[in-house]
C-alpha atoms as a PDB file:
ATOM      1  CA  MET A   1      92.468  84.388  79.028  1.00  0.00           C
ATOM      2  CA  THR A   2      93.753  85.757  81.623  1.00  0.00           C
ATOM      3  CA  THR A   3      96.492  89.261  82.838  1.00  0.00           C
ATOM      4  CA  PRO A   4      98.348  88.699  85.182  1.00  0.00           C
ATOM      5  CA  VAL A   5      98.955  91.200  87.903  1.00  0.00           C
ATOM      6  CA  TYR A   6     100.923  91.729  91.669  1.00  0.00           C
ATOM      7  CA  ALA A   7      99.119  92.459  94.515  1.00  0.00           C
ATOM      8  CA  GLN A   8     100.442  95.759  96.227  1.00  0.00           C
ATOM      9  CA  GLN A   9     101.007  95.764  99.846  1.00  0.00           C
ATOM     10  CA  ASN A  10      97.423  95.539 102.031  1.00  0.00           C
ATOM     11  CA  ASP A  11      95.826  94.937  98.799  1.00  0.00           C
ATOM     12  CA  THR A  12      92.376  92.348  98.790  1.00  0.00           C
ATOM     13  CA  VAL A  13      91.048  89.939  96.026  1.00  0.00           C
ATOM     14  CA  ASP A  14      88.125  93.023  95.837  1.00  0.00           C
ATOM     15  CA  ALA A  15      90.238  95.902  95.558  1.00  0.00           C
ATOM     16  CA  LEU A  16      92.315  94.132  92.713  1.00  0.00           C
ATOM     17  CA  CYS A  17      88.802  93.575  91.495  1.00  0.00           C
ATOM     18  CA  TRP A  18      87.544  96.819  91.085  1.00  0.00           C
ATOM     19  CA  ARG A  19      90.725  98.847  89.712  1.00  0.00           C
ATOM     20  CA  HIS A  20      90.661  96.523  87.116  1.00  0.00           C
ATOM     21  CA  TYR A  21      87.065  95.963  86.381  1.00  0.00           C
ATOM     22  CA  GLY A  22      85.727  98.683  87.954  1.00  0.00           C
ATOM     23  CA  ARG A  23      83.563  96.495  89.665  1.00  0.00           C
ATOM     24  CA  THR A  24      83.507  93.706  92.230  1.00  0.00           C
ATOM     25  CA  ALA A  25      79.704  92.012  91.753  1.00  0.00           C
ATOM     26  CA  GLY A  26      80.243  88.744  89.736  1.00  0.00           C
ATOM     27  CA  VAL A  27      84.123  88.926  89.170  1.00  0.00           C
ATOM     28  CA  THR A  28      85.483  88.363  92.920  1.00  0.00           C
ATOM     29  CA  GLU A  29      84.058  84.946  92.847  1.00  0.00           C
ATOM     30  CA  ALA A  30      85.947  84.695  89.427  1.00  0.00           C
ATOM     31  CA  VAL A  31      89.403  85.734  90.386  1.00  0.00           C
ATOM     32  CA  LEU A  32      89.034  82.704  93.308  1.00  0.00           C
ATOM     33  CA  VAL A  33      88.052  80.208  90.696  1.00  0.00           C
ATOM     34  CA  ALA A  34      91.167  81.161  88.420  1.00  0.00           C
ATOM     35  CA  ASN A  35      93.512  80.866  91.722  1.00  0.00           C
ATOM     36  CA  PRO A  36      93.032  78.352  93.764  1.00  0.00           C
ATOM     37  CA  GLY A  37      94.084  78.491  97.071  1.00  0.00           C
ATOM     38  CA  LEU A  38      94.113  82.053  96.814  1.00  0.00           C
ATOM     39  CA  ALA A  39      91.831  82.271  99.685  1.00  0.00           C
ATOM     40  CA  GLU A  40      93.701  80.318 102.194  1.00  0.00           C
ATOM     41  CA  HIS A  41      95.911  83.479 102.328  1.00  0.00           C
ATOM     42  CA  GLY A  42      92.739  85.645 104.270  1.00  0.00           C
ATOM     43  CA  PRO A  43      90.999  88.748 103.996  1.00  0.00           C
ATOM     44  CA  PHE A  44      94.373  90.047 102.547  1.00  0.00           C
ATOM     45  CA  VAL A  45      96.463  89.116 100.195  1.00  0.00           C
ATOM     46  CA  PRO A  46     100.611  89.257 100.183  1.00  0.00           C
ATOM     47  CA  HIS A  47     102.680  91.797  98.716  1.00  0.00           C
ATOM     48  CA  GLY A  48     103.773  90.789  95.177  1.00  0.00           C
ATOM     49  CA  THR A  49     101.838  87.924  94.857  1.00  0.00           C
ATOM     50  CA  LEU A  50     101.008  86.790  91.771  1.00  0.00           C
ATOM     51  CA  ILE A  51      97.478  86.448  90.542  1.00  0.00           C
ATOM     52  CA  ASN A  52      95.487  86.007  87.981  1.00  0.00           C
ATOM     53  CA  LEU A  53      92.560  87.563  86.699  1.00  0.00           C
ATOM     54  CA  PRO A  54      90.225  86.229  83.823  1.00  0.00           C
ATOM     55  CA  GLU A  55      88.437  87.939  81.136  1.00  0.00           C
ATOM     56  CA  ALA A  56      85.057  89.129  83.253  1.00  0.00           C
ATOM     57  CA  GLN A  57      81.663  88.750  81.407  1.00  0.00           C
ATOM     58  CA  PRO A  58      80.019  92.451  80.712  1.00  0.00           C
ATOM     59  CA  ALA A  59      78.163  93.883  83.235  1.00  0.00           C
ATOM     60  CA  ALA A  60      74.522  93.704  83.123  1.00  0.00           C
ATOM     61  CA  PRO A  61      72.950  96.873  80.928  1.00  0.00           C
ATOM     62  CA  GLN A  62      71.676 100.070  83.528  1.00  0.00           C
ATOM     63  CA  ARG A  63      67.964  99.883  83.763  1.00  0.00           C
ATOM     64  CA  HIS A  64      66.393 103.560  83.366  1.00  0.00           C
ATOM     65  CA  ARG A  65      63.894 103.153  86.483  1.00  0.00           C
ATOM     66  CA  VAL A  66      60.860 105.379  86.813  1.00  0.00           C
ATOM     67  CA  ASN A  67      59.086 107.245  89.926  1.00  0.00           C
ATOM     68  CA  LEU A  68      55.899 107.059  90.273  1.00  0.00           C
ATOM     69  CA  TRP A  69      56.479 111.023  92.190  1.00  0.00           C
ATOM     70  CA  ASP A  70      58.432 112.005  89.430  1.00  0.00           C
END
């Protein structure tokens, strides 16, 4: 299942992913795969371009870190 989104002025794929998913790691590549030819536009996606954002896998859980000096 995908969510259709229209690019805003000066949008990048990373910016779209950050707004929609709240992260870019692991989802930017999935968006490029789901939208063949999107990377050919260069770093900025033309205003009004329809982009399908696929359903993302949940992010890896945050681990509690222990510092030796604490």
